Amino acid sequence: MSANTSEYDGSRLRSLKIGLIDFIAGSLGGIALVYVGQPLDTIKVKMQTFPQLYKGMTDCFMKTLKSDGIARGLYAGTLPAVVANVAENSVLFAAYGGCQKVIATATGVERVEEMNSLGNACAGFFAAFFSSLTLCPTELIKCRLQAMREVEVQRAAPGSTINMVGPWELTRQILREGGATGLFRGLTSTIAREMPGYFFFFGGYEATRELLAKPGQSRDEIGWQKTMVAGAVGGTILWLVIFPADVVKSRIQVQNLKTPALVITKDIIKNEGVSALYNGLKPTLIRTVPATATLFVTYEYSKKMMQNLLDV
């Protein structure tokens, strides 16, 4: 075996290891994010899809807690949320690592670690396309479970029993009614939300890490506290940018709408005002700070641990 062949095989093995590490670290980060932020995510979805039923975040929180409790109310949709976030973040971070390499090569940067914030933002933009394909079906189930009581109350006759189903039965219902394509209701609005959102998410995260690094210190050496701050900044910028698209996506998925996203956006503005596109923003931002901080700390430090373990 020639030296060139041996070097090529070694490079391929290293790339496979790096991809696997990004995938696993992203999965662990997604799980951590769900358990930290799920209650406020439930409040967000309810306020986005049925704003007329609640006076505000506290009212929605208390009514949900009173009617359905913690497990079936505030943590409704946790299982599909875990699946959604594991699917999204594992693919997102694996694709992000791959896109970083492509952009580094295209821009003449020798090492991914030397890429600037704009390059990382572009990598996040393209990576989000792939994660959207895995996210859409699982987030559809999550959103419908979170707003199920409100949907059933509107459908049911006065005084009749509300029929609440679990994730598996709901999935079967969607497949019966719309086939496999029914699970991808809201895909266009998901992609429209994710790609620009993750441009700012990763761009904001990496730029903040650069700002927090001391002279002569790399972004990877800033410590877990500053990593959490950078994650919180990235998450906050993400939601401020994408929130109107997220409101539209939630309505399409929860109310099973077939109207194009742009038409729904115009209807919301016409009938409810521009402010309706920001219903649920407050609980989202409150949730985002600890949730995305936890996501990035889990991702970065589990990644470092696996890199040391596998000698990458």
C-alpha atoms as a PDB file:
ATOM      1  CA  MET A   1       0.000   0.000   0.000  1.00  0.00           C
ATOM      2  CA  SER A   2       1.405   3.386  -1.005  1.00  0.00           C
ATOM      3  CA  ALA A   3       1.897   6.219   1.432  1.00  0.00           C
ATOM      4  CA  ASN A   4      -0.672   8.299  -0.494  1.00  0.00           C
ATOM      5  CA  THR A   5      -3.322   5.562  -0.206  1.00  0.00           C
ATOM      6  CA  SER A   6      -2.644   5.138   3.496  1.00  0.00           C
ATOM      7  CA  GLU A   7      -2.885   8.898   4.017  1.00  0.00           C
ATOM      8  CA  TYR A   8      -6.173   9.032   2.036  1.00  0.00           C
ATOM      9  CA  ASP A   9      -7.703   6.182   4.091  1.00  0.00           C
ATOM     10  CA  GLY A  10      -6.609   7.872   7.305  1.00  0.00           C
ATOM     11  CA  SER A  11      -8.193  11.147   6.207  1.00  0.00           C
ATOM     12  CA  ARG A  12     -11.478   9.399   5.327  1.00  0.00           C
ATOM     13  CA  LEU A  13     -11.564   7.626   8.696  1.00  0.00           C
ATOM     14  CA  ARG A  14     -10.945  10.901  10.502  1.00  0.00           C
ATOM     15  CA  SER A  15     -13.754  12.597   8.537  1.00  0.00           C
ATOM     16  CA  LEU A  16     -16.138   9.769   9.432  1.00  0.00           C
ATOM     17  CA  LYS A  17     -15.201  10.072  13.104  1.00  0.00           C
ATOM     18  CA  ILE A  18     -15.740  13.844  13.058  1.00  0.00           C
ATOM     19  CA  GLY A  19     -19.133  13.427  11.365  1.00  0.00           C
ATOM     20  CA  LEU A  20     -20.202  10.802  13.922  1.00  0.00           C
ATOM     21  CA  ILE A  21     -19.053  12.996  16.816  1.00  0.00           C
ATOM     22  CA  ASP A  22     -21.019  15.995  15.469  1.00  0.00           C
ATOM     23  CA  PHE A  23     -24.097  13.761  15.038  1.00  0.00           C
ATOM     24  CA  ILE A  24     -23.976  12.343  18.588  1.00  0.00           C
ATOM     25  CA  ALA A  25     -23.087  15.667  20.226  1.00  0.00           C
ATOM     26  CA  GLY A  26     -25.969  17.347  18.376  1.00  0.00           C
ATOM     27  CA  SER A  27     -28.339  14.601  19.572  1.00  0.00           C
ATOM     28  CA  LEU A  28     -27.310  15.059  23.201  1.00  0.00           C
ATOM     29  CA  GLY A  29     -27.677  18.824  22.880  1.00  0.00           C
ATOM     30  CA  GLY A  30     -31.173  18.400  21.430  1.00  0.00           C
ATOM     31  CA  ILE A  31     -32.311  16.214  24.344  1.00  0.00           C
ATOM     32  CA  ALA A  32     -30.993  18.719  26.893  1.00  0.00           C
ATOM     33  CA  LEU A  33     -32.699  21.605  25.090  1.00  0.00           C
ATOM     34  CA  VAL A  34     -36.144  19.911  25.175  1.00  0.00           C
ATOM     35  CA  TYR A  35     -36.215  19.150  28.879  1.00  0.00           C
ATOM     36  CA  VAL A  36     -35.096  22.673  29.769  1.00  0.00           C
ATOM     37  CA  GLY A  37     -37.472  24.516  27.442  1.00  0.00           C
ATOM     38  CA  GLN A  38     -40.541  22.338  26.754  1.00  0.00           C
ATOM     39  CA  PRO A  39     -43.082  24.035  29.106  1.00  0.00           C
ATOM     40  CA  LEU A  40     -42.512  27.472  27.604  1.00  0.00           C
ATOM     41  CA  ASP A  41     -42.455  25.999  24.095  1.00  0.00           C
ATOM     42  CA  THR A  42     -45.957  24.621  24.765  1.00  0.00           C
ATOM     43  CA  ILE A  43     -47.124  28.074  25.866  1.00  0.00           C
ATOM     44  CA  LYS A  44     -45.586  29.583  22.726  1.00  0.00           C
ATOM     45  CA  VAL A  45     -47.442  27.194  20.386  1.00  0.00           C
ATOM     46  CA  LYS A  46     -50.782  27.761  22.143  1.00  0.00           C
ATOM     47  CA  MET A  47     -50.413  31.543  21.973  1.00  0.00           C
ATOM     48  CA  GLN A  48     -49.361  31.417  18.311  1.00  0.00           C
ATOM     49  CA  THR A  49     -52.278  29.290  17.156  1.00  0.00           C
ATOM     50  CA  PHE A  50     -55.105  30.398  19.495  1.00  0.00           C
ATOM     51  CA  PRO A  51     -54.220  33.957  20.593  1.00  0.00           C
ATOM     52  CA  GLN A  52     -57.882  34.827  21.208  1.00  0.00           C
ATOM     53  CA  LEU A  53     -58.127  32.272  24.048  1.00  0.00           C
ATOM     54  CA  TYR A  54     -55.429  33.767  26.285  1.00  0.00           C
ATOM     55  CA  LYS A  55     -54.745  37.170  27.827  1.00  0.00           C
ATOM     56  CA  GLY A  56     -51.000  36.576  27.904  1.00  0.00           C
ATOM     57  CA  MET A  57     -48.194  34.198  28.829  1.00  0.00           C
ATOM     58  CA  THR A  58     -49.120  33.857  32.521  1.00  0.00           C
ATOM     59  CA  ASP A  59     -52.809  33.290  31.728  1.00  0.00           C
ATOM     60  CA  CYS A  60     -51.928  30.600  29.183  1.00  0.00           C
ATOM     61  CA  PHE A  61     -49.499  28.944  31.602  1.00  0.00           C
ATOM     62  CA  MET A  62     -52.000  28.819  34.482  1.00  0.00           C
ATOM     63  CA  LYS A  63     -54.908  27.613  32.335  1.00  0.00           C
ATOM     64  CA  THR A  64     -52.770  24.863  30.830  1.00  0.00           C
ATOM     65  CA  LEU A  65     -51.498  23.806  34.244  1.00  0.00           C
ATOM     66  CA  LYS A  66     -55.039  23.817  35.689  1.00  0.00           C
ATOM     67  CA  SER A  67     -56.712  21.922  32.833  1.00  0.00           C
ATOM     68  CA  ASP A  68     -54.034  19.347  31.953  1.00  0.00           C
ATOM     69  CA  GLY A  69     -51.342  19.470  34.631  1.00  0.00           C
ATOM     70  CA  ILE A  70     -47.594  19.222  34.106  1.00  0.00           C
ATOM     71  CA  ALA A  71     -47.047  15.968  32.196  1.00  0.00           C
ATOM     72  CA  ARG A  72     -50.084  16.131  29.861  1.00  0.00           C
ATOM     73  CA  GLY A  73     -50.188  19.928  29.753  1.00  0.00           C
ATOM     74  CA  LEU A  74     -46.906  21.822  30.028  1.00  0.00           C
ATOM     75  CA  TYR A  75     -44.885  18.823  28.853  1.00  0.00           C
ATOM     76  CA  ALA A  76     -47.395  17.771  26.166  1.00  0.00           C
ATOM     77  CA  GLY A  77     -45.560  16.565  23.075  1.00  0.00           C
ATOM     78  CA  THR A  78     -42.302  15.922  24.932  1.00  0.00           C
ATOM     79  CA  LEU A  79     -41.629  12.566  23.243  1.00  0.00           C
ATOM     80  CA  PRO A  80     -42.033  13.909  19.685  1.00  0.00           C
ATOM     81  CA  ALA A  81     -40.192  17.062  20.800  1.00  0.00           C
ATOM     82  CA  VAL A  82     -37.232  14.915  21.889  1.00  0.00           C
ATOM     83  CA  VAL A  83     -37.412  12.988  18.607  1.00  0.00           C
ATOM     84  CA  ALA A  84     -37.736  16.273  16.677  1.00  0.00           C
ATOM     85  CA  ASN A  85     -34.802  17.919  18.420  1.00  0.00           C
ATOM     86  CA  VAL A  86     -32.587  14.836  18.267  1.00  0.00           C
ATOM     87  CA  ALA A  87     -33.415  14.496  14.560  1.00  0.00           C
ATOM     88  CA  GLU A  88     -32.946  18.191  13.880  1.00  0.00           C
ATOM     89  CA  ASN A  89     -29.826  18.842  15.939  1.00  0.00           C
ATOM     90  CA  SER A  90     -28.007  15.617  15.049  1.00  0.00           C
ATOM     91  CA  VAL A  91     -28.526  16.282  11.326  1.00  0.00           C
ATOM     92  CA  LEU A  92     -28.035  20.044  11.758  1.00  0.00           C
ATOM     93  CA  PHE A  93     -24.683  19.804  13.521  1.00  0.00           C
ATOM     94  CA  ALA A  94     -23.454  16.952  11.300  1.00  0.00           C
ATOM     95  CA  ALA A  95     -24.445  18.948   8.190  1.00  0.00           C
ATOM     96  CA  TYR A  96     -23.002  22.099   9.758  1.00  0.00           C
ATOM     97  CA  GLY A  97     -19.615  20.404  10.136  1.00  0.00           C
ATOM     98  CA  GLY A  98     -19.763  19.205   6.518  1.00  0.00           C
ATOM     99  CA  CYS A  99     -20.832  22.628   5.214  1.00  0.00           C
ATOM    100  CA  GLN A 100     -18.043  24.275   7.199  1.00  0.00           C
ATOM    101  CA  LYS A 101     -15.496  22.105   5.381  1.00  0.00           C
ATOM    102  CA  VAL A 102     -17.001  22.888   1.958  1.00  0.00           C
ATOM    103  CA  ILE A 103     -17.073  26.638   2.631  1.00  0.00           C
ATOM    104  CA  ALA A 104     -13.548  26.579   4.113  1.00  0.00           C
ATOM    105  CA  THR A 105     -12.274  24.856   0.959  1.00  0.00           C
ATOM    106  CA  ALA A 106     -14.184  27.245  -1.324  1.00  0.00           C
ATOM    107  CA  THR A 107     -12.834  30.325   0.477  1.00  0.00           C
ATOM    108  CA  GLY A 108      -9.259  29.057   0.786  1.00  0.00           C
ATOM    109  CA  VAL A 109      -9.303  28.689   4.593  1.00  0.00           C
ATOM    110  CA  GLU A 110      -6.973  25.877   5.679  1.00  0.00           C
ATOM    111  CA  ARG A 111      -8.754  24.868   8.896  1.00  0.00           C
ATOM    112  CA  VAL A 112     -12.445  25.055   9.851  1.00  0.00           C
ATOM    113  CA  GLU A 113     -11.427  26.560  13.206  1.00  0.00           C
ATOM    114  CA  GLU A 114      -9.999  29.564  11.325  1.00  0.00           C
ATOM    115  CA  MET A 115     -13.256  30.420   9.512  1.00  0.00           C
ATOM    116  CA  ASN A 116     -14.783  33.807  10.294  1.00  0.00           C
ATOM    117  CA  SER A 117     -18.319  34.338  11.597  1.00  0.00           C
ATOM    118  CA  LEU A 118     -19.747  35.001   8.118  1.00  0.00           C
ATOM    119  CA  GLY A 119     -18.393  31.672   6.856  1.00  0.00           C
ATOM    120  CA  ASN A 120     -19.914  29.871   9.843  1.00  0.00           C
ATOM    121  CA  ALA A 121     -23.227  31.683   9.304  1.00  0.00           C
ATOM    122  CA  CYS A 122     -23.310  30.502   5.683  1.00  0.00           C
ATOM    123  CA  ALA A 123     -22.544  26.938   6.824  1.00  0.00           C
ATOM    124  CA  GLY A 124     -25.501  27.150   9.224  1.00  0.00           C
ATOM    125  CA  PHE A 125     -27.737  28.481   6.423  1.00  0.00           C
ATOM    126  CA  PHE A 126     -27.084  25.497   4.143  1.00  0.00           C
ATOM    127  CA  ALA A 127     -27.070  22.933   6.976  1.00  0.00           C
ATOM    128  CA  ALA A 128     -30.581  24.032   7.996  1.00  0.00           C
ATOM    129  CA  PHE A 129     -32.025  22.812   4.679  1.00  0.00           C
ATOM    130  CA  PHE A 130     -31.112  19.222   5.557  1.00  0.00           C
ATOM    131  CA  SER A 131     -32.302  19.468   9.153  1.00  0.00           C
ATOM    132  CA  SER A 132     -35.670  20.891   7.992  1.00  0.00           C
ATOM    133  CA  LEU A 133     -36.441  17.628   6.199  1.00  0.00           C
ATOM    134  CA  THR A 134     -36.086  15.659   9.430  1.00  0.00           C
ATOM    135  CA  LEU A 135     -37.667  18.312  11.646  1.00  0.00           C
ATOM    136  CA  CYS A 136     -40.948  18.960   9.823  1.00  0.00           C
ATOM    137  CA  PRO A 137     -42.790  15.640  10.503  1.00  0.00           C
ATOM    138  CA  THR A 138     -41.797  15.400  14.163  1.00  0.00           C
ATOM    139  CA  GLU A 139     -42.517  19.063  14.873  1.00  0.00           C
ATOM    140  CA  LEU A 140     -45.919  18.658  13.224  1.00  0.00           C
ATOM    141  CA  ILE A 141     -46.799  15.953  15.779  1.00  0.00           C
ATOM    142  CA  LYS A 142     -45.369  18.017  18.648  1.00  0.00           C
ATOM    143  CA  CYS A 143     -47.317  21.171  17.768  1.00  0.00           C
ATOM    144  CA  ARG A 144     -50.604  19.306  17.339  1.00  0.00           C
ATOM    145  CA  LEU A 145     -50.185  17.565  20.682  1.00  0.00           C
ATOM    146  CA  GLN A 146     -49.399  20.865  22.389  1.00  0.00           C
ATOM    147  CA  ALA A 147     -52.522  22.590  21.022  1.00  0.00           C
ATOM    148  CA  MET A 148     -54.772  19.506  20.957  1.00  0.00           C
ATOM    149  CA  ARG A 149     -57.152  20.669  23.683  1.00  0.00           C
ATOM    150  CA  GLU A 150     -57.796  23.972  21.911  1.00  0.00           C
ATOM    151  CA  VAL A 151     -58.390  22.233  18.560  1.00  0.00           C
ATOM    152  CA  GLU A 152     -60.750  19.641  20.062  1.00  0.00           C
ATOM    153  CA  VAL A 153     -62.716  22.265  22.014  1.00  0.00           C
ATOM    154  CA  GLN A 154     -63.396  24.129  18.755  1.00  0.00           C
ATOM    155  CA  ARG A 155     -64.482  20.942  16.969  1.00  0.00           C
ATOM    156  CA  ALA A 156     -66.549  19.316  19.727  1.00  0.00           C
ATOM    157  CA  ALA A 157     -70.209  19.994  20.439  1.00  0.00           C
ATOM    158  CA  PRO A 158     -70.928  21.885  23.702  1.00  0.00           C
ATOM    159  CA  GLY A 159     -70.792  19.573  26.718  1.00  0.00           C
ATOM    160  CA  SER A 160     -69.247  16.641  24.823  1.00  0.00           C
ATOM    161  CA  THR A 161     -66.086  14.802  25.939  1.00  0.00           C
ATOM    162  CA  ILE A 162     -62.758  16.067  24.630  1.00  0.00           C
ATOM    163  CA  ASN A 163     -60.867  13.305  22.822  1.00  0.00           C
ATOM    164  CA  MET A 164     -57.142  13.566  23.619  1.00  0.00           C
ATOM    165  CA  VAL A 165     -54.834  11.109  21.845  1.00  0.00           C
ATOM    166  CA  GLY A 166     -51.130  10.304  22.171  1.00  0.00           C
ATOM    167  CA  PRO A 167     -48.313  10.738  19.632  1.00  0.00           C
ATOM    168  CA  TRP A 168     -48.661   7.314  17.997  1.00  0.00           C
ATOM    169  CA  GLU A 169     -52.427   7.544  17.466  1.00  0.00           C
ATOM    170  CA  LEU A 170     -52.058  11.101  16.181  1.00  0.00           C
ATOM    171  CA  THR A 171     -49.392   9.950  13.700  1.00  0.00           C
ATOM    172  CA  ARG A 172     -51.702   7.187  12.460  1.00  0.00           C
ATOM    173  CA  GLN A 173     -54.544   9.703  12.062  1.00  0.00           C
ATOM    174  CA  ILE A 174     -52.366  12.000   9.941  1.00  0.00           C
ATOM    175  CA  LEU A 175     -51.200   9.092   7.777  1.00  0.00           C
ATOM    176  CA  ARG A 176     -54.797   7.909   7.276  1.00  0.00           C
ATOM    177  CA  GLU A 177     -56.015  11.377   6.328  1.00  0.00           C
ATOM    178  CA  GLY A 178     -53.123  12.630   4.192  1.00  0.00           C
ATOM    179  CA  GLY A 179     -50.710   9.767   3.609  1.00  0.00           C
ATOM    180  CA  ALA A 180     -46.959  10.189   4.031  1.00  0.00           C
ATOM    181  CA  THR A 181     -47.087  13.691   2.529  1.00  0.00           C
ATOM    182  CA  GLY A 182     -49.448  14.714   5.353  1.00  0.00           C
ATOM    183  CA  LEU A 183     -46.490  14.505   7.739  1.00  0.00           C
ATOM    184  CA  PHE A 184     -44.754  17.242   5.745  1.00  0.00           C
ATOM    185  CA  ARG A 185     -47.526  19.832   6.130  1.00  0.00           C
ATOM    186  CA  GLY A 186     -45.717  23.152   6.620  1.00  0.00           C
ATOM    187  CA  LEU A 187     -42.410  22.033   5.051  1.00  0.00           C
ATOM    188  CA  THR A 188     -42.071  25.183   2.922  1.00  0.00           C
ATOM    189  CA  SER A 189     -42.611  27.465   5.911  1.00  0.00           C
ATOM    190  CA  THR A 190     -40.235  25.287   7.971  1.00  0.00           C
ATOM    191  CA  ILE A 191     -37.453  25.733   5.381  1.00  0.00           C
ATOM    192  CA  ALA A 192     -38.263  29.471   5.104  1.00  0.00           C
ATOM    193  CA  ARG A 193     -37.905  29.683   8.878  1.00  0.00           C
ATOM    194  CA  GLU A 194     -34.869  27.457   9.375  1.00  0.00           C
ATOM    195  CA  MET A 195     -32.402  28.571   6.695  1.00  0.00           C
ATOM    196  CA  PRO A 196     -32.263  32.322   7.449  1.00  0.00           C
ATOM    197  CA  GLY A 197     -32.725  31.570  11.140  1.00  0.00           C
ATOM    198  CA  TYR A 198     -29.668  29.368  11.360  1.00  0.00           C
ATOM    199  CA  PHE A 199     -27.615  31.839   9.348  1.00  0.00           C
ATOM    200  CA  PHE A 200     -28.058  34.249  12.260  1.00  0.00           C
ATOM    201  CA  PHE A 201     -27.992  31.483  14.893  1.00  0.00           C
ATOM    202  CA  PHE A 202     -24.532  30.182  14.052  1.00  0.00           C
ATOM    203  CA  GLY A 203     -23.278  33.595  12.944  1.00  0.00           C
ATOM    204  CA  GLY A 204     -24.357  35.163  16.242  1.00  0.00           C
ATOM    205  CA  TYR A 205     -22.959  32.261  18.259  1.00  0.00           C
ATOM    206  CA  GLU A 206     -19.540  32.288  16.594  1.00  0.00           C
ATOM    207  CA  ALA A 207     -19.292  36.097  16.586  1.00  0.00           C
ATOM    208  CA  THR A 208     -20.088  36.192  20.310  1.00  0.00           C
ATOM    209  CA  ARG A 209     -17.487  33.509  21.026  1.00  0.00           C
ATOM    210  CA  GLU A 210     -14.912  35.619  19.145  1.00  0.00           C
ATOM    211  CA  LEU A 211     -15.852  38.725  21.129  1.00  0.00           C
ATOM    212  CA  LEU A 212     -15.634  36.867  24.445  1.00  0.00           C
ATOM    213  CA  ALA A 213     -12.237  35.308  23.694  1.00  0.00           C
ATOM    214  CA  LYS A 214      -9.236  36.985  25.286  1.00  0.00           C
ATOM    215  CA  PRO A 215      -6.305  38.104  23.110  1.00  0.00           C
ATOM    216  CA  GLY A 216      -4.440  35.021  21.915  1.00  0.00           C
ATOM    217  CA  GLN A 217      -7.268  32.709  23.038  1.00  0.00           C
ATOM    218  CA  SER A 218      -9.250  30.604  20.545  1.00  0.00           C
ATOM    219  CA  ARG A 219     -13.050  30.398  20.526  1.00  0.00           C
ATOM    220  CA  ASP A 220     -12.860  26.820  21.807  1.00  0.00           C
ATOM    221  CA  GLU A 221     -10.967  27.900  24.923  1.00  0.00           C
ATOM    222  CA  ILE A 222     -13.378  30.468  26.374  1.00  0.00           C
ATOM    223  CA  GLY A 223     -14.895  28.137  29.009  1.00  0.00           C
ATOM    224  CA  TRP A 224     -18.399  26.829  29.595  1.00  0.00           C
ATOM    225  CA  GLN A 225     -19.819  30.047  31.093  1.00  0.00           C
ATOM    226  CA  LYS A 226     -18.938  32.155  28.039  1.00  0.00           C
ATOM    227  CA  THR A 227     -20.061  29.316  25.764  1.00  0.00           C
ATOM    228  CA  MET A 228     -23.475  29.473  27.458  1.00  0.00           C
ATOM    229  CA  VAL A 229     -23.615  33.247  26.921  1.00  0.00           C
ATOM    230  CA  ALA A 230     -22.746  32.805  23.226  1.00  0.00           C
ATOM    231  CA  GLY A 231     -25.417  30.109  22.880  1.00  0.00           C
ATOM    232  CA  ALA A 232     -28.024  32.336  24.507  1.00  0.00           C
ATOM    233  CA  VAL A 233     -27.126  35.223  22.168  1.00  0.00           C
ATOM    234  CA  GLY A 234     -27.337  32.963  19.104  1.00  0.00           C
ATOM    235  CA  GLY A 235     -30.716  31.590  20.197  1.00  0.00           C
ATOM    236  CA  THR A 236     -32.148  35.038  20.925  1.00  0.00           C
ATOM    237  CA  ILE A 237     -31.109  36.386  17.512  1.00  0.00           C
ATOM    238  CA  LEU A 238     -32.545  33.268  15.847  1.00  0.00           C
ATOM    239  CA  TRP A 239     -36.014  33.730  17.329  1.00  0.00           C
ATOM    240  CA  LEU A 240     -36.154  37.476  16.770  1.00  0.00           C
ATOM    241  CA  VAL A 241     -35.449  36.866  13.070  1.00  0.00           C
ATOM    242  CA  ILE A 242     -37.679  33.846  12.423  1.00  0.00           C
ATOM    243  CA  PHE A 243     -40.642  34.360  14.747  1.00  0.00           C
ATOM    244  CA  PRO A 244     -43.215  35.547  12.150  1.00  0.00           C
ATOM    245  CA  ALA A 245     -42.389  32.510   9.967  1.00  0.00           C
ATOM    246  CA  ASP A 246     -42.708  30.279  13.042  1.00  0.00           C
ATOM    247  CA  VAL A 247     -46.194  31.654  13.798  1.00  0.00           C
ATOM    248  CA  VAL A 248     -47.297  30.869  10.236  1.00  0.00           C
ATOM    249  CA  LYS A 249     -45.757  27.386  10.382  1.00  0.00           C
ATOM    250  CA  SER A 250     -47.482  26.604  13.692  1.00  0.00           C
ATOM    251  CA  ARG A 251     -50.887  27.635  12.329  1.00  0.00           C
ATOM    252  CA  ILE A 252     -50.429  25.576   9.166  1.00  0.00           C
ATOM    253  CA  GLN A 253     -49.466  22.496  11.167  1.00  0.00           C
ATOM    254  CA  VAL A 254     -51.895  22.772  14.088  1.00  0.00           C
ATOM    255  CA  GLN A 255     -54.938  23.823  12.035  1.00  0.00           C
ATOM    256  CA  ASN A 256     -54.021  21.572   9.081  1.00  0.00           C
ATOM    257  CA  LEU A 257     -54.164  24.475   6.636  1.00  0.00           C
ATOM    258  CA  LYS A 258     -53.496  23.965   2.927  1.00  0.00           C
ATOM    259  CA  THR A 259     -53.247  27.673   2.099  1.00  0.00           C
ATOM    260  CA  PRO A 260     -49.768  28.895   0.994  1.00  0.00           C
ATOM    261  CA  ALA A 261     -47.674  30.405   3.780  1.00  0.00           C
ATOM    262  CA  LEU A 262     -47.463  33.831   2.108  1.00  0.00           C
ATOM    263  CA  VAL A 263     -51.270  34.053   1.841  1.00  0.00           C
ATOM    264  CA  ILE A 264     -51.644  33.081   5.527  1.00  0.00           C
ATOM    265  CA  THR A 265     -49.112  35.768   6.482  1.00  0.00           C
ATOM    266  CA  LYS A 266     -51.079  38.412   4.570  1.00  0.00           C
ATOM    267  CA  ASP A 267     -54.350  37.233   6.156  1.00  0.00           C
ATOM    268  CA  ILE A 268     -52.890  37.436   9.678  1.00  0.00           C
ATOM    269  CA  ILE A 269     -51.623  40.974   9.077  1.00  0.00           C
ATOM    270  CA  LYS A 270     -54.942  42.043   7.507  1.00  0.00           C
ATOM    271  CA  ASN A 271     -57.245  40.482  10.120  1.00  0.00           C
ATOM    272  CA  GLU A 272     -55.166  40.562  13.317  1.00  0.00           C
ATOM    273  CA  GLY A 273     -52.435  43.128  12.718  1.00  0.00           C
ATOM    274  CA  VAL A 274     -48.660  42.809  12.455  1.00  0.00           C
ATOM    275  CA  SER A 275     -48.371  42.204  16.212  1.00  0.00           C
ATOM    276  CA  ALA A 276     -50.136  38.835  15.757  1.00  0.00           C
ATOM    277  CA  LEU A 277     -46.997  37.591  14.016  1.00  0.00           C
ATOM    278  CA  TYR A 278     -45.239  37.956  17.377  1.00  0.00           C
ATOM    279  CA  ASN A 279     -47.790  36.173  19.589  1.00  0.00           C
ATOM    280  CA  GLY A 280     -45.831  33.953  21.975  1.00  0.00           C
ATOM    281  CA  LEU A 281     -42.525  35.794  21.555  1.00  0.00           C
ATOM    282  CA  LYS A 282     -42.155  36.550  25.288  1.00  0.00           C
ATOM    283  CA  PRO A 283     -42.193  32.900  26.516  1.00  0.00           C
ATOM    284  CA  THR A 284     -39.993  31.979  23.556  1.00  0.00           C
ATOM    285  CA  LEU A 285     -37.267  34.451  24.514  1.00  0.00           C
ATOM    286  CA  ILE A 286     -37.499  33.494  28.206  1.00  0.00           C
ATOM    287  CA  ARG A 287     -37.133  29.841  27.211  1.00  0.00           C
ATOM    288  CA  THR A 288     -34.382  30.476  24.657  1.00  0.00           C
ATOM    289  CA  VAL A 289     -31.727  31.793  27.031  1.00  0.00           C
ATOM    290  CA  PRO A 290     -31.367  28.673  29.237  1.00  0.00           C
ATOM    291  CA  ALA A 291     -32.363  26.218  26.477  1.00  0.00           C
ATOM    292  CA  THR A 292     -29.886  27.262  23.778  1.00  0.00           C
ATOM    293  CA  ALA A 293     -27.179  27.900  26.376  1.00  0.00           C
ATOM    294  CA  THR A 294     -27.654  24.291  27.525  1.00  0.00           C
ATOM    295  CA  LEU A 295     -27.715  23.071  23.907  1.00  0.00           C
ATOM    296  CA  PHE A 296     -24.331  24.561  23.039  1.00  0.00           C
ATOM    297  CA  VAL A 297     -22.607  23.640  26.296  1.00  0.00           C
ATOM    298  CA  THR A 298     -23.797  20.035  25.910  1.00  0.00           C
ATOM    299  CA  TYR A 299     -22.759  19.996  22.247  1.00  0.00           C
ATOM    300  CA  GLU A 300     -19.332  21.582  22.658  1.00  0.00           C
ATOM    301  CA  TYR A 301     -18.241  19.625  25.737  1.00  0.00           C
ATOM    302  CA  SER A 302     -19.601  16.227  24.682  1.00  0.00           C
ATOM    303  CA  LYS A 303     -17.845  16.828  21.343  1.00  0.00           C
ATOM    304  CA  LYS A 304     -14.532  17.570  23.090  1.00  0.00           C
ATOM    305  CA  MET A 305     -14.892  14.489  25.288  1.00  0.00           C
ATOM    306  CA  MET A 306     -15.526  12.225  22.277  1.00  0.00           C
ATOM    307  CA  GLN A 307     -12.674  13.813  20.312  1.00  0.00           C
ATOM    308  CA  ASN A 308     -10.275  13.020  23.158  1.00  0.00           C
ATOM    309  CA  LEU A 309     -11.720   9.516  23.512  1.00  0.00           C
ATOM    310  CA  LEU A 310     -11.441   8.718  19.797  1.00  0.00           C
ATOM    311  CA  ASP A 311      -8.158  10.637  19.397  1.00  0.00           C
ATOM    312  CA  VAL A 312      -9.474  12.906  16.629  1.00  0.00           C
END
